[in-house]
């Protein structure tokens, strides 16, 4: 049996199936947490927590009602027993007045038993009253916490809703949303296609105007008109060329001085009228 002492070999051997499953488990947990975080809505979690607190508060209220009911029942029993004790006391007094000591003793014995029951019920009533007060205090504290949580919950929900709306607006304005990105790409493709068609149309028009490409949609009259237009254009060019040549020739020919002709002198004397 050969022992492997090379630490590199031992390290490679440790990266077996257990390491693979550990990595796979980590990746799965990471993806699951990401999916849960994306699907989780804080508003729903807050509403669920508030509902659970209301259920707990309702349970405390039912407990208070149950203890109060038990206390009231004990009070009714104590009232009934006290009435019996008072009645037995009266019977004992009547028996003494009638010189019936035996009946008076029996009435007082029964009264003693009733009084003991009243004492026990009094202790039970005190315990129930203390428990009721304790539950009432707990109910008030819990109700105050629930009300505070409800206010905080609504505030957080409002802030979250506002932040969510602001994020959507910012994404729409910036054009980084999925829908806005698709719309932007569609607009860009439409612009590119329009520019390509305009360039192609302009190139075809230039070829047709230059005569390099025949216009198959043009009628024979259009071809004659095109030739006439070309001829007229050539004539205009020739006329302009002749005019420029004439101006150039006039500049090169020297000017001849014209003879100076003296104008007749005007008579300074006024003609005398002939005598009759």
Protein backbone atom coordinates (compact mmCIF):
# COMPACT_ATOMS: atom_id res chain seq x y z
CA UNK A 1 0.00 0.00 0.00
CA UNK A 2 1.52 3.30 -1.13
CA UNK A 3 1.08 6.43 0.99
CA UNK A 4 0.82 9.74 -0.79
CA UNK A 5 2.73 12.47 1.02
CA UNK A 6 2.68 15.09 -1.71
CA UNK A 7 0.52 17.99 -0.44
CA UNK A 8 -0.43 18.95 -4.02
CA UNK A 9 -1.75 15.46 -4.67
CA UNK A 10 -3.69 15.47 -1.43
CA UNK A 11 -5.09 18.90 -2.28
CA UNK A 12 -6.22 17.71 -5.70
CA UNK A 13 -7.75 14.62 -4.19
CA UNK A 14 -9.78 16.71 -1.76
CA UNK A 15 -11.54 18.44 -4.68
CA UNK A 16 -13.81 15.51 -5.28
CA UNK A 17 -17.56 15.02 -5.51
CA UNK A 18 -18.15 16.61 -2.10
CA UNK A 19 -16.49 19.85 -3.27
CA UNK A 20 -18.58 19.84 -6.45
CA UNK A 21 -21.83 19.42 -4.57
CA UNK A 22 -20.80 22.11 -2.11
CA UNK A 23 -20.19 24.58 -4.94
CA UNK A 24 -23.42 23.58 -6.64
CA UNK A 25 -25.32 24.08 -3.39
CA UNK A 26 -23.75 27.51 -2.91
CA UNK A 27 -24.64 28.57 -6.46
CA UNK A 28 -28.19 27.30 -6.05
CA UNK A 29 -28.63 29.17 -2.79
CA UNK A 30 -27.24 32.37 -4.32
CA UNK A 31 -29.59 32.16 -7.29
CA UNK A 32 -32.53 31.28 -5.03
CA UNK A 33 -31.80 34.27 -2.79
CA UNK A 34 -31.58 36.53 -5.82
CA UNK A 35 -34.87 35.22 -7.19
CA UNK A 36 -36.57 35.58 -3.82
CA UNK A 37 -35.21 39.08 -3.38
CA UNK A 38 -36.54 40.03 -6.82
CA UNK A 39 -39.96 38.50 -6.14
CA UNK A 40 -40.24 39.91 -2.61
CA UNK A 41 -42.43 42.97 -2.23
CA UNK A 42 -41.76 44.84 1.05
CA UNK A 43 -45.33 46.14 1.07
CA UNK A 44 -46.75 42.63 1.11
CA UNK A 45 -44.38 41.62 3.93
CA UNK A 46 -45.44 44.64 5.98
CA UNK A 47 -49.13 43.93 5.44
CA UNK A 48 -48.62 40.29 6.43
CA UNK A 49 -46.77 41.30 9.61
CA UNK A 50 -49.52 43.76 10.50
CA UNK A 51 -52.16 41.06 9.99
CA UNK A 52 -50.28 38.71 12.33
CA UNK A 53 -50.04 41.41 14.98
CA UNK A 54 -53.78 42.03 14.71
CA UNK A 55 -54.40 38.31 15.19
CA UNK A 56 -52.20 38.31 18.30
CA UNK A 57 -54.02 41.38 19.63
CA UNK A 58 -57.34 39.64 19.03
CA UNK A 59 -56.14 36.62 21.01
CA UNK A 60 -55.17 38.86 23.93
CA UNK A 61 -58.59 40.51 23.81
CA UNK A 62 -60.29 37.12 23.90
CA UNK A 63 -58.13 36.19 26.90
CA UNK A 64 -59.18 39.37 28.68
CA UNK A 65 -62.82 38.63 27.92
CA UNK A 66 -62.49 35.06 29.20
CA UNK A 67 -60.87 36.18 32.47
CA UNK A 68 -63.49 38.90 32.92
CA UNK A 69 -66.24 36.33 32.35
CA UNK A 70 -64.74 34.01 34.97
CA UNK A 71 -64.42 36.89 37.40
CA UNK A 72 -68.04 37.84 36.87
CA UNK A 73 -69.16 34.26 37.41
CA UNK A 74 -67.26 34.12 40.69
CA UNK A 75 -68.86 37.38 41.77
CA UNK A 76 -72.32 35.95 41.08
CA UNK A 77 -71.49 32.83 43.10
CA UNK A 78 -70.20 34.95 45.96
CA UNK A 79 -73.40 37.01 45.92
CA UNK A 80 -75.54 33.89 46.03
CA UNK A 81 -73.52 32.37 48.88
CA UNK A 82 -73.61 35.61 50.81
CA UNK A 83 -77.38 35.63 50.52
CA UNK A 84 -77.45 32.05 51.85
CA UNK A 85 -75.19 33.01 54.74
CA UNK A 86 -77.42 35.94 55.62
CA UNK A 87 -80.49 33.70 55.49
CA UNK A 88 -78.86 31.09 57.74
CA UNK A 89 -77.88 33.82 60.18
CA UNK A 90 -81.50 34.92 60.36
CA UNK A 91 -82.72 31.37 60.85
CA UNK A 92 -80.23 30.87 63.69
CA UNK A 93 -81.48 34.00 65.39
CA UNK A 94 -85.08 32.85 65.00
CA UNK A 95 -84.20 29.43 66.44
CA UNK A 96 -82.60 31.05 69.51
CA UNK A 97 -85.72 33.16 69.96
CA UNK A 98 -87.80 29.97 69.83
CA UNK A 99 -85.50 28.26 72.35
CA UNK A 100 -84.39 25.79 69.65
CA UNK A 101 -80.66 25.72 70.25
CA UNK A 102 -80.26 22.63 68.13
CA UNK A 103 -81.75 24.35 65.08
CA UNK A 104 -79.68 27.42 65.75
CA UNK A 105 -76.50 25.26 65.91
CA UNK A 106 -77.41 23.58 62.58
CA UNK A 107 -78.04 26.93 60.89
CA UNK A 108 -74.75 28.34 62.16
CA UNK A 109 -72.89 25.21 61.02
CA UNK A 110 -74.25 25.58 57.53
CA UNK A 111 -73.45 29.27 57.61
CA UNK A 112 -69.85 28.43 58.52
CA UNK A 113 -69.59 26.15 55.49
CA UNK A 114 -71.01 28.83 53.21
CA UNK A 115 -68.67 31.42 54.67
CA UNK A 116 -65.69 29.16 53.94
CA UNK A 117 -66.85 28.89 50.31
CA UNK A 118 -67.19 32.64 50.17
CA UNK A 119 -63.63 33.01 51.44
CA UNK A 120 -62.30 30.64 48.78
CA UNK A 121 -64.24 32.45 46.08
CA UNK A 122 -62.94 35.77 47.34
CA UNK A 123 -59.36 34.57 46.91
CA UNK A 124 -60.17 33.21 43.45
CA UNK A 125 -61.85 36.49 42.58
CA UNK A 126 -58.79 38.45 43.65
CA UNK A 127 -56.54 36.23 41.50
CA UNK A 128 -58.82 36.61 38.47
CA UNK A 129 -59.01 40.35 38.94
CA UNK A 130 -55.20 40.60 39.08
CA UNK A 131 -54.89 38.44 35.94
CA UNK A 132 -57.48 40.56 34.19
CA UNK A 133 -55.64 43.77 35.04
CA UNK A 134 -52.41 42.21 33.79
CA UNK A 135 -53.99 41.17 30.51
CA UNK A 136 -55.63 44.56 30.08
CA UNK A 137 -52.24 46.24 30.51
CA UNK A 138 -50.66 43.85 28.00
CA UNK A 139 -53.52 44.50 25.60
CA UNK A 140 -53.04 48.24 25.83
CA UNK A 141 -49.31 47.98 25.27
CA UNK A 142 -49.75 45.61 22.34
CA UNK A 143 -52.44 47.79 20.82
CA UNK A 144 -50.17 50.84 21.07
CA UNK A 145 -47.36 48.90 19.34
CA UNK A 146 -49.73 47.70 16.63
CA UNK A 147 -50.94 51.24 16.00
CA UNK A 148 -47.37 52.52 15.85
CA UNK A 149 -46.42 49.70 13.48
CA UNK A 150 -49.42 50.49 11.28
CA UNK A 151 -48.35 54.13 11.00
CA UNK A 152 -44.77 53.15 10.23
CA UNK A 153 -45.98 50.51 7.78
CA UNK A 154 -48.04 52.99 5.80
CA UNK A 155 -45.14 55.44 5.74
CA UNK A 156 -42.72 52.80 4.46
CA UNK A 157 -45.23 51.62 1.87
CA UNK A 158 -45.79 55.17 0.63
CA UNK A 159 -42.04 55.82 0.40
CA UNK A 160 -41.47 52.52 -1.39
CA UNK A 161 -44.27 53.20 -3.87
CA UNK A 162 -42.92 56.69 -4.54
CA UNK A 163 -39.37 55.37 -4.98
CA UNK A 164 -40.61 52.64 -7.31
CA UNK A 165 -42.54 55.15 -9.42
CA UNK A 166 -39.55 57.50 -9.51
CA UNK A 167 -37.28 54.65 -10.60
CA UNK A 168 -39.63 53.72 -13.43
CA UNK A 169 -39.84 57.34 -14.53
CA UNK A 170 -36.06 57.72 -14.45
CA UNK A 171 -35.61 54.49 -16.41
CA UNK A 172 -38.14 55.67 -18.99
CA UNK A 173 -36.52 59.10 -19.30
CA UNK A 174 -33.01 57.67 -19.51
CA UNK A 175 -34.15 55.02 -21.96
CA UNK A 176 -32.53 52.21 -20.01
CA UNK A 177 -35.72 50.22 -19.58
CA UNK A 178 -36.31 47.11 -21.66
CA UNK A 179 -39.27 48.56 -23.53
CA UNK A 180 -37.59 51.92 -24.10
CA UNK A 181 -34.46 50.13 -25.30
CA UNK A 182 -36.46 48.15 -27.85
CA UNK A 183 -38.24 51.30 -29.02
CA UNK A 184 -34.93 53.12 -29.38
CA UNK A 185 -33.48 50.28 -31.43
CA UNK A 186 -36.57 50.21 -33.66
CA UNK A 187 -36.32 53.97 -34.24
CA UNK A 188 -32.62 53.66 -35.07
CA UNK A 189 -33.30 50.85 -37.55
CA UNK A 190 -36.08 52.89 -39.18
CA UNK A 191 -33.77 55.91 -39.50
CA UNK A 192 -30.97 53.82 -41.01
CA UNK A 193 -33.34 52.23 -43.52
CA UNK A 194 -34.83 55.61 -44.44
CA UNK A 195 -31.38 57.14 -45.01
CA UNK A 196 -30.37 54.14 -47.12
CA UNK A 197 -33.49 54.45 -49.30
CA UNK A 198 -32.99 58.21 -49.67
CA UNK A 199 -29.37 57.70 -50.72
CA UNK A 200 -30.39 55.05 -53.25
CA UNK A 201 -33.14 57.28 -54.66
CA UNK A 202 -30.71 60.21 -54.98
CA UNK A 203 -28.13 58.05 -56.76
CA UNK A 204 -30.71 56.76 -59.24
CA UNK A 205 -31.90 60.32 -59.97
CA UNK A 206 -28.33 61.41 -60.66
CA UNK A 207 -27.78 58.49 -63.03
CA UNK A 208 -31.03 59.20 -64.86
CA UNK A 209 -30.27 62.94 -65.19
CA UNK A 210 -26.77 62.24 -66.48
CA UNK A 211 -28.10 59.77 -69.06
CA UNK A 212 -26.10 56.88 -67.66
CA UNK A 213 -29.33 55.16 -66.75
CA UNK A 214 -32.47 55.21 -68.86
CA UNK A 215 -35.73 56.04 -67.23
CA UNK A 216 -37.99 53.18 -68.32
CA UNK A 217 -41.02 55.01 -66.97
CA UNK A 218 -40.42 58.08 -69.13
CA UNK A 219 -42.47 58.57 -72.36
CA UNK A 220 -40.91 59.43 -75.77
CA UNK A 221 -42.05 63.00 -75.33
CA UNK A 222 -40.06 63.22 -72.15
CA UNK A 223 -36.92 62.09 -74.01
CA UNK A 224 -37.40 64.76 -76.71
CA UNK A 225 -37.95 67.36 -74.03
CA UNK A 226 -34.76 66.26 -72.34
CA UNK A 227 -32.82 66.64 -75.61
CA UNK A 228 -34.33 70.07 -76.19
CA UNK A 229 -33.36 71.09 -72.68
CA UNK A 230 -29.79 69.93 -73.30
CA UNK A 231 -29.68 71.81 -76.61
CA UNK A 232 -31.02 74.97 -74.99
CA UNK A 233 -28.46 74.64 -72.28
CA UNK A 234 -25.66 74.24 -74.89
CA UNK A 235 -26.89 77.34 -76.76
CA UNK A 236 -26.90 79.35 -73.58
CA UNK A 237 -23.35 78.26 -72.88
CA UNK A 238 -22.21 79.21 -76.41
CA UNK A 239 -23.86 82.60 -76.19
CA UNK A 240 -22.26 83.33 -72.83
CA UNK A 241 -18.87 82.20 -74.20
CA UNK A 242 -19.20 84.53 -77.23
CA UNK A 243 -20.14 87.44 -74.99
CA UNK A 244 -17.09 86.88 -72.83
CA UNK A 245 -14.84 86.71 -75.92
CA UNK A 246 -16.27 90.02 -77.17
CA UNK A 247 -15.61 91.72 -73.91
CA UNK A 248 -12.05 90.43 -73.94
CA UNK A 249 -11.46 91.65 -77.51
CA UNK A 250 -12.81 95.09 -76.62
CA UNK A 251 -10.36 95.36 -73.79
CA UNK A 252 -7.38 94.48 -76.07
CA UNK A 253 -8.25 97.06 -78.92
CA UNK A 254 -6.81 100.62 -78.29
CA UNK A 255 -9.33 103.48 -78.26
CA UNK A 256 -9.15 106.22 -81.20
CA UNK A 257 -9.38 109.89 -80.13
CA UNK A 258 -12.29 111.74 -81.76
CA UNK A 259 -11.69 115.24 -83.36
CA UNK A 260 -12.58 118.20 -81.22
CA UNK A 261 -15.20 120.39 -82.88
CA UNK A 262 -15.47 123.95 -81.64
CA UNK A 263 -18.91 125.01 -80.89
CA UNK A 264 -20.08 128.28 -82.51
CA UNK A 265 -19.73 131.31 -80.30
CA UNK A 266 -22.89 132.78 -79.04
CA UNK A 267 -23.63 136.40 -79.99
CA UNK A 268 -23.22 138.77 -77.14
CA UNK A 269 -25.18 141.56 -78.76
CA UNK A 270 -28.90 141.44 -78.86
CA UNK A 271 -30.42 141.75 -82.26
CA UNK A 272 -31.95 145.22 -82.83
CA UNK A 273 -35.45 145.30 -84.06
CA UNK A 274 -35.79 146.59 -87.58
CA UNK A 275 -37.19 150.10 -87.98
CA UNK A 276 -40.50 150.42 -89.66
